[in-house]
PDB file of N, CA and C in Angstrom:
ATOM      1  N   MET A   1       0.769 -22.633  -9.391  1.00  0.00           N
ATOM      2  CA  MET A   1       1.292 -21.382  -9.878  1.00  0.00           C
ATOM      3  C   MET A   1       2.091 -20.695  -8.788  1.00  0.00           C
ATOM      4  N   PRO A   2       3.128 -19.994  -9.123  1.00  0.00           N
ATOM      5  CA  PRO A   2       3.941 -19.340  -8.082  1.00  0.00           C
ATOM      6  C   PRO A   2       3.209 -18.121  -7.354  1.00  0.00           C
ATOM      7  N   HIS A   3       3.646 -17.905  -6.254  1.00  0.00           N
ATOM      8  CA  HIS A   3       3.099 -16.771  -5.409  1.00  0.00           C
ATOM      9  C   HIS A   3       4.073 -15.644  -5.487  1.00  0.00           C
ATOM     10  N   TYR A   4       3.597 -14.354  -5.815  1.00  0.00           N
ATOM     11  CA  TYR A   4       4.440 -13.208  -5.993  1.00  0.00           C
ATOM     12  C   TYR A   4       4.014 -12.118  -5.063  1.00  0.00           C
ATOM     13  N   ARG A   5       4.938 -11.235  -4.696  1.00  0.00           N
ATOM     14  CA  ARG A   5       4.627  -9.985  -4.008  1.00  0.00           C
ATOM     15  C   ARG A   5       5.407  -8.878  -4.761  1.00  0.00           C
ATOM     16  N   THR A   6       4.663  -7.813  -5.177  1.00  0.00           N
ATOM     17  CA  THR A   6       5.242  -6.679  -5.810  1.00  0.00           C
ATOM     18  C   THR A   6       5.104  -5.453  -4.946  1.00  0.00           C
ATOM     19  N   LEU A   7       6.238  -4.827  -4.692  1.00  0.00           N
ATOM     20  CA  LEU A   7       6.281  -3.601  -3.892  1.00  0.00           C
ATOM     21  C   LEU A   7       6.388  -2.378  -4.836  1.00  0.00           C
ATOM     22  N   LEU A   8       5.491  -1.485  -4.667  1.00  0.00           N
ATOM     23  CA  LEU A   8       5.418  -0.298  -5.539  1.00  0.00           C
ATOM     24  C   LEU A   8       5.776   0.927  -4.807  1.00  0.00           C
ATOM     25  N   MET A   9       6.532   1.868  -5.394  1.00  0.00           N
ATOM     26  CA  MET A   9       6.835   3.178  -4.810  1.00  0.00           C
ATOM     27  C   MET A   9       6.108   4.172  -5.774  1.00  0.00           C
ATOM     28  N   ALA A  10       5.119   4.828  -5.226  1.00  0.00           N
ATOM     29  CA  ALA A  10       4.241   5.729  -6.040  1.00  0.00           C
ATOM     30  C   ALA A  10       4.522   7.240  -5.598  1.00  0.00           C
ATOM     31  N   SER A  11       4.149   8.135  -6.440  1.00  0.00           N
ATOM     32  CA  SER A  11       4.259   9.551  -6.181  1.00  0.00           C
ATOM     33  C   SER A  11       3.395   9.926  -4.977  1.00  0.00           C
ATOM     34  N   SER A  12       3.945  10.758  -4.158  1.00  0.00           N
ATOM     35  CA  SER A  12       3.163  11.270  -2.980  1.00  0.00           C
ATOM     36  C   SER A  12       2.017  12.171  -3.432  1.00  0.00           C
ATOM     37  N   SER A  13       2.097  12.655  -4.640  1.00  0.00           N
ATOM     38  CA  SER A  13       1.002  13.531  -5.135  1.00  0.00           C
ATOM     39  C   SER A  13      -0.060  12.744  -5.907  1.00  0.00           C
ATOM     40  N   ALA A  14       0.181  11.456  -6.056  1.00  0.00           N
ATOM     41  CA  ALA A  14      -0.834  10.591  -6.748  1.00  0.00           C
ATOM     42  C   ALA A  14      -2.161  10.568  -5.960  1.00  0.00           C
ATOM     43  N   THR A  15      -3.214  10.686  -6.650  1.00  0.00           N
ATOM     44  CA  THR A  15      -4.539  10.632  -5.979  1.00  0.00           C
ATOM     45  C   THR A  15      -4.935   9.176  -5.736  1.00  0.00           C
ATOM     46  N   ARG A  16      -5.980   9.031  -4.894  1.00  0.00           N
ATOM     47  CA  ARG A  16      -6.497   7.679  -4.683  1.00  0.00           C
ATOM     48  C   ARG A  16      -7.005   7.058  -5.985  1.00  0.00           C
ATOM     49  N   ALA A  17      -7.667   7.894  -6.771  1.00  0.00           N
ATOM     50  CA  ALA A  17      -8.163   7.400  -8.072  1.00  0.00           C
ATOM     51  C   ALA A  17      -7.046   6.820  -8.968  1.00  0.00           C
ATOM     52  N   GLN A  18      -5.863   7.540  -9.025  1.00  0.00           N
ATOM     53  CA  GLN A  18      -4.801   6.997  -9.860  1.00  0.00           C
ATOM     54  C   GLN A  18      -4.257   5.760  -9.289  1.00  0.00           C
ATOM     55  N   LEU A  19      -4.033   5.627  -7.943  1.00  0.00           N
ATOM     56  CA  LEU A  19      -3.552   4.418  -7.392  1.00  0.00           C
ATOM     57  C   LEU A  19      -4.548   3.256  -7.546  1.00  0.00           C
ATOM     58  N   LYS A  20      -5.888   3.564  -7.401  1.00  0.00           N
ATOM     59  CA  LYS A  20      -6.859   2.557  -7.622  1.00  0.00           C
ATOM     60  C   LYS A  20      -6.848   2.021  -9.003  1.00  0.00           C
ATOM     61  N   LYS A  21      -6.630   2.946 -10.001  1.00  0.00           N
ATOM     62  CA  LYS A  21      -6.568   2.538 -11.368  1.00  0.00           C
ATOM     63  C   LYS A  21      -5.435   1.575 -11.698  1.00  0.00           C
ATOM     64  N   VAL A  22      -4.225   1.868 -11.062  1.00  0.00           N
ATOM     65  CA  VAL A  22      -3.128   1.004 -11.211  1.00  0.00           C
ATOM     66  C   VAL A  22      -3.397  -0.411 -10.595  1.00  0.00           C
ATOM     67  N   LEU A  23      -4.055  -0.458  -9.427  1.00  0.00           N
ATOM     68  CA  LEU A  23      -4.305  -1.723  -8.799  1.00  0.00           C
ATOM     69  C   LEU A  23      -5.398  -2.480  -9.530  1.00  0.00           C
ATOM     70  N   VAL A  24      -6.434  -1.786 -10.104  1.00  0.00           N
ATOM     71  CA  VAL A  24      -7.434  -2.447 -10.865  1.00  0.00           C
ATOM     72  C   VAL A  24      -6.860  -3.031 -12.176  1.00  0.00           C
ATOM     73  N   GLN A  25      -5.953  -2.269 -12.823  1.00  0.00           N
ATOM     74  CA  GLN A  25      -5.296  -2.875 -13.975  1.00  0.00           C
ATOM     75  C   GLN A  25      -4.454  -4.128 -13.693  1.00  0.00           C
ATOM     76  N   ALA A  26      -3.779  -4.081 -12.574  1.00  0.00           N
ATOM     77  CA  ALA A  26      -2.986  -5.239 -12.136  1.00  0.00           C
ATOM     78  C   ALA A  26      -3.850  -6.429 -11.822  1.00  0.00           C
ATOM     79  N   SER A  27      -4.965  -6.115 -11.106  1.00  0.00           N
ATOM     80  CA  SER A  27      -5.947  -7.180 -10.736  1.00  0.00           C
ATOM     81  C   SER A  27      -6.511  -7.803 -11.982  1.00  0.00           C
ATOM     82  N   ASP A  28      -6.983  -6.948 -12.917  1.00  0.00           N
ATOM     83  CA  ASP A  28      -7.559  -7.514 -14.151  1.00  0.00           C
ATOM     84  C   ASP A  28      -6.604  -8.327 -14.926  1.00  0.00           C
ATOM     85  N   SER A  29      -5.339  -7.967 -14.990  1.00  0.00           N
ATOM     86  CA  SER A  29      -4.279  -8.720 -15.677  1.00  0.00           C
ATOM     87  C   SER A  29      -4.093 -10.154 -15.008  1.00  0.00           C
ATOM     88  N   VAL A  30      -4.028 -10.180 -13.741  1.00  0.00           N
ATOM     89  CA  VAL A  30      -3.854 -11.425 -12.991  1.00  0.00           C
ATOM     90  C   VAL A  30      -5.007 -12.331 -13.138  1.00  0.00           C
ATOM     91  N   VAL A  31      -6.204 -11.829 -13.031  1.00  0.00           N
ATOM     92  CA  VAL A  31      -7.419 -12.623 -13.084  1.00  0.00           C
ATOM     93  C   VAL A  31      -7.700 -13.108 -14.508  1.00  0.00           C
ATOM     94  N   SER A  32      -7.397 -12.261 -15.482  1.00  0.00           N
ATOM     95  CA  SER A  32      -7.567 -12.721 -16.920  1.00  0.00           C
ATOM     96  C   SER A  32      -6.575 -13.800 -17.316  1.00  0.00           C
ATOM     97  N   ALA A  33      -5.451 -13.868 -16.593  1.00  0.00           N
ATOM     98  CA  ALA A  33      -4.442 -14.929 -16.864  1.00  0.00           C
ATOM     99  C   ALA A  33      -4.670 -16.186 -16.078  1.00  0.00           C
ATOM    100  N   GLY A  34      -5.761 -16.219 -15.304  1.00  0.00           N
ATOM    101  CA  GLY A  34      -6.098 -17.387 -14.497  1.00  0.00           C
ATOM    102  C   GLY A  34      -5.490 -17.398 -13.162  1.00  0.00           C
ATOM    103  N   GLY A  35      -4.976 -16.210 -12.703  1.00  0.00           N
ATOM    104  CA  GLY A  35      -4.398 -16.074 -11.362  1.00  0.00           C
ATOM    105  C   GLY A  35      -5.402 -15.627 -10.316  1.00  0.00           C
ATOM    106  N   LEU A  36      -4.869 -15.282  -9.161  1.00  0.00           N
ATOM    107  CA  LEU A  36      -5.668 -14.893  -8.069  1.00  0.00           C
ATOM    108  C   LEU A  36      -4.994 -13.761  -7.261  1.00  0.00           C
ATOM    109  N   MET A  37      -5.750 -12.676  -6.973  1.00  0.00           N
ATOM    110  CA  MET A  37      -5.167 -11.622  -6.166  1.00  0.00           C
ATOM    111  C   MET A  37      -5.329 -12.030  -4.718  1.00  0.00           C
ATOM    112  N   MET A  38      -4.261 -11.984  -3.950  1.00  0.00           N
ATOM    113  CA  MET A  38      -4.295 -12.438  -2.518  1.00  0.00           C
ATOM    114  C   MET A  38      -4.448 -11.359  -1.539  1.00  0.00           C
ATOM    115  N   ASN A  39      -3.645 -10.246  -1.760  1.00  0.00           N
ATOM    116  CA  ASN A  39      -3.731  -9.193  -0.687  1.00  0.00           C
ATOM    117  C   ASN A  39      -3.177  -7.917  -1.323  1.00  0.00           C
ATOM    118  N   TYR A  40      -3.634  -6.783  -0.663  1.00  0.00           N
ATOM    119  CA  TYR A  40      -3.202  -5.464  -1.012  1.00  0.00           C
ATOM    120  C   TYR A  40      -2.916  -4.691   0.236  1.00  0.00           C
ATOM    121  N   GLU A  41      -1.793  -4.031   0.369  1.00  0.00           N
ATOM    122  CA  GLU A  41      -1.489  -3.254   1.559  1.00  0.00           C
ATOM    123  C   GLU A  41      -0.974  -1.853   1.097  1.00  0.00           C
ATOM    124  N   HIS A  42      -1.430  -0.909   1.861  1.00  0.00           N
ATOM    125  CA  HIS A  42      -0.862   0.506   1.673  1.00  0.00           C
ATOM    126  C   HIS A  42      -0.102   0.860   2.847  1.00  0.00           C
ATOM    127  N   TYR A  43       1.214   1.031   2.702  1.00  0.00           N
ATOM    128  CA  TYR A  43       2.039   1.298   3.841  1.00  0.00           C
ATOM    129  C   TYR A  43       2.155   2.804   4.225  1.00  0.00           C
ATOM    130  N   GLY A  44       1.543   3.598   3.407  1.00  0.00           N
ATOM    131  CA  GLY A  44       1.453   5.010   3.684  1.00  0.00           C
ATOM    132  C   GLY A  44       2.574   5.826   2.988  1.00  0.00           C
ATOM    133  N   GLU A  45       2.697   7.101   3.301  1.00  0.00           N
ATOM    134  CA  GLU A  45       3.688   7.975   2.756  1.00  0.00           C
ATOM    135  C   GLU A  45       4.909   8.005   3.630  1.00  0.00           C
ATOM    136  N   LYS A  46       6.061   7.799   3.102  1.00  0.00           N
ATOM    137  CA  LYS A  46       7.280   7.721   3.856  1.00  0.00           C
ATOM    138  C   LYS A  46       8.315   8.692   3.245  1.00  0.00           C
ATOM    139  N   LEU A  47       9.293   9.126   4.042  1.00  0.00           N
ATOM    140  CA  LEU A  47      10.428   9.892   3.664  1.00  0.00           C
ATOM    141  C   LEU A  47      11.352   9.024   2.937  1.00  0.00           C
ATOM    142  N   LEU A  48      11.839   9.401   1.715  1.00  0.00           N
ATOM    143  CA  LEU A  48      12.780   8.662   0.986  1.00  0.00           C
ATOM    144  C   LEU A  48      14.210   8.772   1.646  1.00  0.00           C
ATOM    145  N   ALA A  49      14.916   7.708   1.617  1.00  0.00           N
ATOM    146  CA  ALA A  49      16.297   7.718   2.238  1.00  0.00           C
ATOM    147  C   ALA A  49      17.270   8.471   1.379  1.00  0.00           C
ATOM    148  N   TYR A  50      16.964   8.563   0.040  1.00  0.00           N
ATOM    149  CA  TYR A  50      17.952   9.242  -0.799  1.00  0.00           C
ATOM    150  C   TYR A  50      17.120   9.823  -1.955  1.00  0.00           C
ATOM    151  N   LYS A  51      17.761  10.793  -2.725  1.00  0.00           N
ATOM    152  CA  LYS A  51      17.043  11.446  -3.828  1.00  0.00           C
ATOM    153  C   LYS A  51      17.084  10.473  -5.029  1.00  0.00           C
ATOM    154  N   ILE A  52      15.978  10.536  -5.798  1.00  0.00           N
ATOM    155  CA  ILE A  52      15.874   9.679  -6.918  1.00  0.00           C
ATOM    156  C   ILE A  52      15.555  10.576  -8.153  1.00  0.00           C
ATOM    157  N   SER A  53      16.030  10.126  -9.341  1.00  0.00           N
ATOM    158  CA  SER A  53      15.783  10.854 -10.562  1.00  0.00           C
ATOM    159  C   SER A  53      14.491  10.305 -11.133  1.00  0.00           C
ATOM    160  N   LEU A  54      13.721  11.188 -11.723  1.00  0.00           N
ATOM    161  CA  LEU A  54      12.405  10.783 -12.210  1.00  0.00           C
ATOM    162  C   LEU A  54      12.526  10.473 -13.734  1.00  0.00           C
ATOM    163  N   LYS A  55      11.545   9.772 -14.257  1.00  0.00           N
ATOM    164  CA  LYS A  55      11.409   9.396 -15.644  1.00  0.00           C
ATOM    165  C   LYS A  55      11.180  10.704 -16.467  1.00  0.00           C
ATOM    166  N   GLY A  56      11.670  10.759 -17.610  1.00  0.00           N
ATOM    167  CA  GLY A  56      11.407  11.858 -18.524  1.00  0.00           C
ATOM    168  C   GLY A  56      12.167  13.108 -18.236  1.00  0.00           C
ATOM    169  N   GLY A  57      13.153  13.029 -17.362  1.00  0.00           N
ATOM    170  CA  GLY A  57      13.991  14.195 -17.043  1.00  0.00           C
ATOM    171  C   GLY A  57      13.259  15.286 -16.391  1.00  0.00           C
ATOM    172  N   ARG A  58      12.238  15.019 -15.616  1.00  0.00           N
ATOM    173  CA  ARG A  58      11.572  16.064 -14.856  1.00  0.00           C
ATOM    174  C   ARG A  58      12.544  16.526 -13.753  1.00  0.00           C
ATOM    175  N   ASP A  59      12.502  17.879 -13.516  1.00  0.00           N
ATOM    176  CA  ASP A  59      13.443  18.468 -12.628  1.00  0.00           C
ATOM    177  C   ASP A  59      13.296  18.266 -11.142  1.00  0.00           C
ATOM    178  N   ALA A  60      12.041  18.201 -10.669  1.00  0.00           N
ATOM    179  CA  ALA A  60      11.760  18.038  -9.227  1.00  0.00           C
ATOM    180  C   ALA A  60      12.222  16.632  -8.683  1.00  0.00           C
ATOM    181  N   ARG A  61      12.912  16.619  -7.647  1.00  0.00           N
ATOM    182  CA  ARG A  61      13.307  15.318  -7.042  1.00  0.00           C
ATOM    183  C   ARG A  61      12.458  15.170  -5.773  1.00  0.00           C
ATOM    184  N   PRO A  62      11.623  14.087  -5.773  1.00  0.00           N
ATOM    185  CA  PRO A  62      10.722  13.844  -4.607  1.00  0.00           C
ATOM    186  C   PRO A  62      11.426  13.573  -3.326  1.00  0.00           C
ATOM    187  N   GLN A  63      10.830  13.982  -2.204  1.00  0.00           N
ATOM    188  CA  GLN A  63      11.366  13.643  -0.946  1.00  0.00           C
ATOM    189  C   GLN A  63      10.557  12.558  -0.244  1.00  0.00           C
ATOM    190  N   TYR A  64       9.328  12.454  -0.679  1.00  0.00           N
ATOM    191  CA  TYR A  64       8.364  11.504  -0.076  1.00  0.00           C
ATOM    192  C   TYR A  64       7.790  10.583  -1.213  1.00  0.00           C
ATOM    193  N   ALA A  65       7.305   9.338  -0.813  1.00  0.00           N
ATOM    194  CA  ALA A  65       6.685   8.451  -1.728  1.00  0.00           C
ATOM    195  C   ALA A  65       5.664   7.627  -0.978  1.00  0.00           C
ATOM    196  N   ARG A  66       4.677   7.126  -1.681  1.00  0.00           N
ATOM    197  CA  ARG A  66       3.751   6.216  -1.126  1.00  0.00           C
ATOM    198  C   ARG A  66       4.210   4.794  -1.438  1.00  0.00           C
ATOM    199  N   PHE A  67       4.093   3.840  -0.550  1.00  0.00           N
ATOM    200  CA  PHE A  67       4.498   2.508  -0.675  1.00  0.00           C
ATOM    201  C   PHE A  67       3.283   1.576  -0.598  1.00  0.00           C
ATOM    202  N   LEU A  68       3.167   0.658  -1.638  1.00  0.00           N
ATOM    203  CA  LEU A  68       2.092  -0.297  -1.793  1.00  0.00           C
ATOM    204  C   LEU A  68       2.685  -1.670  -1.928  1.00  0.00           C
ATOM    205  N   SER A  69       1.952  -2.646  -1.491  1.00  0.00           N
ATOM    206  CA  SER A  69       2.305  -4.046  -1.640  1.00  0.00           C
ATOM    207  C   SER A  69       1.138  -4.859  -2.256  1.00  0.00           C
ATOM    208  N   ILE A  70       1.380  -5.598  -3.282  1.00  0.00           N
ATOM    209  CA  ILE A  70       0.309  -6.488  -3.879  1.00  0.00           C
ATOM    210  C   ILE A  70       0.778  -7.869  -3.871  1.00  0.00           C
ATOM    211  N   GLU A  71      -0.014  -8.811  -3.374  1.00  0.00           N
ATOM    212  CA  GLU A  71       0.310 -10.216  -3.388  1.00  0.00           C
ATOM    213  C   GLU A  71      -0.645 -10.950  -4.298  1.00  0.00           C
ATOM    214  N   TYR A  72      -0.045 -11.845  -5.176  1.00  0.00           N
ATOM    215  CA  TYR A  72      -0.929 -12.500  -6.089  1.00  0.00           C
ATOM    216  C   TYR A  72      -0.275 -13.817  -6.560  1.00  0.00           C
ATOM    217  N   VAL A  73      -1.149 -14.685  -7.180  1.00  0.00           N
ATOM    218  CA  VAL A  73      -0.672 -15.868  -7.694  1.00  0.00           C
ATOM    219  C   VAL A  73      -1.003 -15.846  -9.177  1.00  0.00           C
ATOM    220  N   CYS A  74       0.009 -16.099 -10.087  1.00  0.00           N
ATOM    221  CA  CYS A  74      -0.165 -15.976 -11.523  1.00  0.00           C
ATOM    222  C   CYS A  74       0.922 -16.716 -12.262  1.00  0.00           C
ATOM    223  N   PRO A  75       0.740 -16.940 -13.558  1.00  0.00           N
ATOM    224  CA  PRO A  75       1.778 -17.571 -14.339  1.00  0.00           C
ATOM    225  C   PRO A  75       3.110 -16.701 -14.434  1.00  0.00           C
ATOM    226  N   PRO A  76       4.232 -17.259 -14.429  1.00  0.00           N
ATOM    227  CA  PRO A  76       5.528 -16.481 -14.376  1.00  0.00           C
ATOM    228  C   PRO A  76       5.607 -15.505 -15.549  1.00  0.00           C
ATOM    229  N   ALA A  77       5.053 -15.798 -16.733  1.00  0.00           N
ATOM    230  CA  ALA A  77       5.136 -14.965 -17.933  1.00  0.00           C
ATOM    231  C   ALA A  77       4.424 -13.573 -17.667  1.00  0.00           C
ATOM    232  N   LEU A  78       3.443 -13.565 -16.818  1.00  0.00           N
ATOM    233  CA  LEU A  78       2.714 -12.371 -16.607  1.00  0.00           C
ATOM    234  C   LEU A  78       3.448 -11.280 -15.794  1.00  0.00           C
ATOM    235  N   VAL A  79       4.340 -11.729 -14.878  1.00  0.00           N
ATOM    236  CA  VAL A  79       5.039 -10.816 -14.000  1.00  0.00           C
ATOM    237  C   VAL A  79       5.820  -9.743 -14.720  1.00  0.00           C
ATOM    238  N   SER A  80       6.605 -10.097 -15.699  1.00  0.00           N
ATOM    239  CA  SER A  80       7.387  -9.096 -16.417  1.00  0.00           C
ATOM    240  C   SER A  80       6.482  -8.080 -17.128  1.00  0.00           C
ATOM    241  N   GLU A  81       5.358  -8.541 -17.663  1.00  0.00           N
ATOM    242  CA  GLU A  81       4.449  -7.607 -18.321  1.00  0.00           C
ATOM    243  C   GLU A  81       3.773  -6.673 -17.356  1.00  0.00           C
ATOM    244  N   MET A  82       3.518  -7.149 -16.105  1.00  0.00           N
ATOM    245  CA  MET A  82       2.907  -6.294 -15.099  1.00  0.00           C
ATOM    246  C   MET A  82       3.880  -5.198 -14.726  1.00  0.00           C
ATOM    247  N   VAL A  83       5.127  -5.602 -14.470  1.00  0.00           N
ATOM    248  CA  VAL A  83       6.170  -4.648 -14.051  1.00  0.00           C
ATOM    249  C   VAL A  83       6.353  -3.579 -15.150  1.00  0.00           C
ATOM    250  N   ARG A  84       6.318  -4.004 -16.405  1.00  0.00           N
ATOM    251  CA  ARG A  84       6.448  -3.113 -17.525  1.00  0.00           C
ATOM    252  C   ARG A  84       5.324  -2.066 -17.534  1.00  0.00           C
ATOM    253  N   LYS A  85       4.145  -2.551 -17.246  1.00  0.00           N
ATOM    254  CA  LYS A  85       2.997  -1.619 -17.142  1.00  0.00           C
ATOM    255  C   LYS A  85       3.093  -0.611 -16.000  1.00  0.00           C
ATOM    256  N   PHE A  86       3.631  -1.140 -14.865  1.00  0.00           N
ATOM    257  CA  PHE A  86       3.864  -0.240 -13.726  1.00  0.00           C
ATOM    258  C   PHE A  86       4.825   0.901 -14.115  1.00  0.00           C
ATOM    259  N   TYR A  87       5.910   0.574 -14.805  1.00  0.00           N
ATOM    260  CA  TYR A  87       6.880   1.558 -15.118  1.00  0.00           C
ATOM    261  C   TYR A  87       6.354   2.553 -16.197  1.00  0.00           C
ATOM    262  N   LEU A  88       5.383   2.137 -16.919  1.00  0.00           N
ATOM    263  CA  LEU A  88       4.776   3.075 -17.952  1.00  0.00           C
ATOM    264  C   LEU A  88       3.933   4.148 -17.314  1.00  0.00           C
ATOM    265  N   ASP A  89       3.411   3.848 -16.087  1.00  0.00           N
ATOM    266  CA  ASP A  89       2.629   4.791 -15.393  1.00  0.00           C
ATOM    267  C   ASP A  89       3.418   5.893 -14.734  1.00  0.00           C
ATOM    268  N   GLU A  90       3.162   7.183 -14.944  1.00  0.00           N
ATOM    269  CA  GLU A  90       3.889   8.183 -14.383  1.00  0.00           C
ATOM    270  C   GLU A  90       3.793   8.379 -12.856  1.00  0.00           C
ATOM    271  N   SER A  91       2.738   7.884 -12.297  1.00  0.00           N
ATOM    272  CA  SER A  91       2.632   7.967 -10.864  1.00  0.00           C
ATOM    273  C   SER A  91       3.411   6.962 -10.001  1.00  0.00           C
ATOM    274  N   ILE A  92       4.003   6.003 -10.758  1.00  0.00           N
ATOM    275  CA  ILE A  92       4.830   4.920 -10.153  1.00  0.00           C
ATOM    276  C   ILE A  92       6.313   5.202 -10.385  1.00  0.00           C
ATOM    277  N   TYR A  93       7.042   5.351  -9.301  1.00  0.00           N
ATOM    278  CA  TYR A  93       8.518   5.627  -9.338  1.00  0.00           C
ATOM    279  C   TYR A  93       9.234   4.323  -9.559  1.00  0.00           C
ATOM    280  N   GLY A  94       8.777   3.236  -8.948  1.00  0.00           N
ATOM    281  CA  GLY A  94       9.563   1.977  -9.068  1.00  0.00           C
ATOM    282  C   GLY A  94       8.738   0.821  -8.579  1.00  0.00           C
ATOM    283  N   ALA A  95       9.133  -0.398  -9.089  1.00  0.00           N
ATOM    284  CA  ALA A  95       8.391  -1.621  -8.707  1.00  0.00           C
ATOM    285  C   ALA A  95       9.477  -2.748  -8.568  1.00  0.00           C
ATOM    286  N   THR A  96       9.275  -3.523  -7.493  1.00  0.00           N
ATOM    287  CA  THR A  96      10.135  -4.711  -7.220  1.00  0.00           C
ATOM    288  C   THR A  96       9.258  -5.856  -6.984  1.00  0.00           C
ATOM    289  N   THR A  97       9.577  -7.061  -7.630  1.00  0.00           N
ATOM    290  CA  THR A  97       8.734  -8.243  -7.484  1.00  0.00           C
ATOM    291  C   THR A  97       9.554  -9.308  -6.848  1.00  0.00           C
ATOM    292  N   PHE A  98       8.946 -10.000  -5.885  1.00  0.00           N
ATOM    293  CA  PHE A  98       9.613 -11.143  -5.199  1.00  0.00           C
ATOM    294  C   PHE A  98       8.779 -12.399  -5.462  1.00  0.00           C
ATOM    295  N   ASN A  99       9.458 -13.510  -5.687  1.00  0.00           N
ATOM    296  CA  ASN A  99       8.785 -14.779  -5.784  1.00  0.00           C
ATOM    297  C   ASN A  99       8.833 -15.337  -4.397  1.00  0.00           C
ATOM    298  N   THR A 100       7.625 -15.523  -3.823  1.00  0.00           N
ATOM    299  CA  THR A 100       7.458 -15.976  -2.462  1.00  0.00           C
ATOM    300  C   THR A 100       6.816 -17.292  -2.365  1.00  0.00           C
ATOM    301  N   GLU A 101       7.025 -18.001  -1.232  1.00  0.00           N
ATOM    302  CA  GLU A 101       6.300 -19.211  -1.013  1.00  0.00           C
ATOM    303  C   GLU A 101       5.614 -19.191   0.382  1.00  0.00           C
ATOM    304  N   VAL A 102       4.592 -19.944   0.510  1.00  0.00           N
ATOM    305  CA  VAL A 102       3.824 -19.992   1.732  1.00  0.00           C
ATOM    306  C   VAL A 102       4.295 -21.219   2.476  1.00  0.00           C
ATOM    307  N   GLY A 103       4.838 -20.975   3.720  1.00  0.00           N
ATOM    308  CA  GLY A 103       5.264 -22.070   4.553  1.00  0.00           C
ATOM    309  C   GLY A 103       4.378 -22.106   5.803  1.00  0.00           C
ATOM    310  N   GLU A 104       4.763 -22.982   6.736  1.00  0.00           N
ATOM    311  CA  GLU A 104       4.025 -23.092   8.007  1.00  0.00           C
ATOM    312  C   GLU A 104       3.995 -21.854   8.830  1.00  0.00           C
ATOM    313  N   LYS A 105       5.112 -21.069   8.740  1.00  0.00           N
ATOM    314  CA  LYS A 105       5.185 -19.900   9.559  1.00  0.00           C
ATOM    315  C   LYS A 105       4.915 -18.594   8.767  1.00  0.00           C
ATOM    316  N   GLY A 106       4.378 -18.710   7.647  1.00  0.00           N
ATOM    317  CA  GLY A 106       4.016 -17.519   6.870  1.00  0.00           C
ATOM    318  C   GLY A 106       4.679 -17.507   5.500  1.00  0.00           C
ATOM    319  N   ILE A 107       4.849 -16.299   4.946  1.00  0.00           N
ATOM    320  CA  ILE A 107       5.309 -16.106   3.636  1.00  0.00           C
ATOM    321  C   ILE A 107       6.828 -15.817   3.658  1.00  0.00           C
ATOM    322  N   PHE A 108       7.660 -16.493   2.866  1.00  0.00           N
ATOM    323  CA  PHE A 108       9.081 -16.255   2.873  1.00  0.00           C
ATOM    324  C   PHE A 108       9.535 -16.094   1.400  1.00  0.00           C
ATOM    325  N   ALA A 109      10.514 -15.237   1.173  1.00  0.00           N
ATOM    326  CA  ALA A 109      11.115 -15.030  -0.129  1.00  0.00           C
ATOM    327  C   ALA A 109      12.003 -16.230  -0.477  1.00  0.00           C
ATOM    328  N   LYS A 110      11.905 -16.775  -1.685  1.00  0.00           N
ATOM    329  CA  LYS A 110      12.863 -17.836  -2.055  1.00  0.00           C
ATOM    330  C   LYS A 110      14.216 -17.341  -2.234  1.00  0.00           C
ATOM    331  N   GLY A 111      15.223 -18.220  -1.983  1.00  0.00           N
ATOM    332  CA  GLY A 111      16.592 -17.770  -2.177  1.00  0.00           C
ATOM    333  C   GLY A 111      17.402 -18.134  -0.985  1.00  0.00           C
ATOM    334  N   LYS A 112      18.710 -18.080  -1.163  1.00  0.00           N
ATOM    335  CA  LYS A 112      19.691 -18.306  -0.089  1.00  0.00           C
ATOM    336  C   LYS A 112      20.611 -17.155   0.116  1.00  0.00           C
ATOM    337  N   ARG A 113      21.028 -16.897   1.350  1.00  0.00           N
ATOM    338  CA  ARG A 113      21.983 -15.850   1.642  1.00  0.00           C
ATOM    339  C   ARG A 113      23.321 -16.311   1.237  1.00  0.00           C
ATOM    340  N   LEU A 114      24.067 -15.470   0.500  1.00  0.00           N
ATOM    341  CA  LEU A 114      25.401 -15.841   0.023  1.00  0.00           C
ATOM    342  C   LEU A 114      26.425 -15.422   1.161  1.00  0.00           C
ATOM    343  N   PRO A 115      27.602 -16.138   1.305  1.00  0.00           N
ATOM    344  CA  PRO A 115      28.566 -15.864   2.310  1.00  0.00           C
ATOM    345  C   PRO A 115      29.061 -14.450   2.216  1.00  0.00           C
ATOM    346  N   GLY A 116      29.284 -13.827   1.076  1.00  0.00           N
ATOM    347  CA  GLY A 116      29.786 -12.466   0.926  1.00  0.00           C
ATOM    348  C   GLY A 116      28.656 -11.451   0.897  1.00  0.00           C
ATOM    349  N   GLY A 117      27.467 -11.810   1.174  1.00  0.00           N
ATOM    350  CA  GLY A 117      26.328 -10.873   1.144  1.00  0.00           C
ATOM    351  C   GLY A 117      25.523 -11.058  -0.127  1.00  0.00           C
ATOM    352  N   GLY A 118      24.305 -10.585  -0.141  1.00  0.00           N
ATOM    353  CA  GLY A 118      23.451 -10.725  -1.338  1.00  0.00           C
ATOM    354  C   GLY A 118      22.659 -12.021  -1.219  1.00  0.00           C
ATOM    355  N   TRP A 119      21.846 -12.221  -2.254  1.00  0.00           N
ATOM    356  CA  TRP A 119      20.868 -13.339  -2.248  1.00  0.00           C
ATOM    357  C   TRP A 119      20.877 -14.033  -3.622  1.00  0.00           C
ATOM    358  N   THR A 120      20.597 -15.297  -3.628  1.00  0.00           N
ATOM    359  CA  THR A 120      20.296 -16.016  -4.924  1.00  0.00           C
ATOM    360  C   THR A 120      18.841 -16.140  -5.078  1.00  0.00           C
ATOM    361  N   GLY A 121      18.442 -16.551  -6.209  1.00  0.00           N
ATOM    362  CA  GLY A 121      17.067 -16.925  -6.429  1.00  0.00           C
ATOM    363  C   GLY A 121      16.333 -15.949  -7.267  1.00  0.00           C
TER     364      GLY A 121
END
């Protein structure tokens, strides 16, 4: 099964209980599909580089967000469903998933650098 890493950008006002609930739901989804949770990291609260618009047309534009990383192994069909669930949660501003592979020197994202910039994969 492929190895994935999902980076989450969560509300700075989200409580530990809310973030734990999101992670437990993700973990339950992965394990019930026959996958394995590998790692979880909390990068802390960071200043956003630019203003973002929030879901539902809320007026306040956040200046800070909490960043989380989840590494797991699961069937490819489950990844889109997990990202959909992340976006339904109001405490999550965004989610990005990378297909990664484990090599001799650690974990690397799959893909190639294009001559004009950007990535394939």
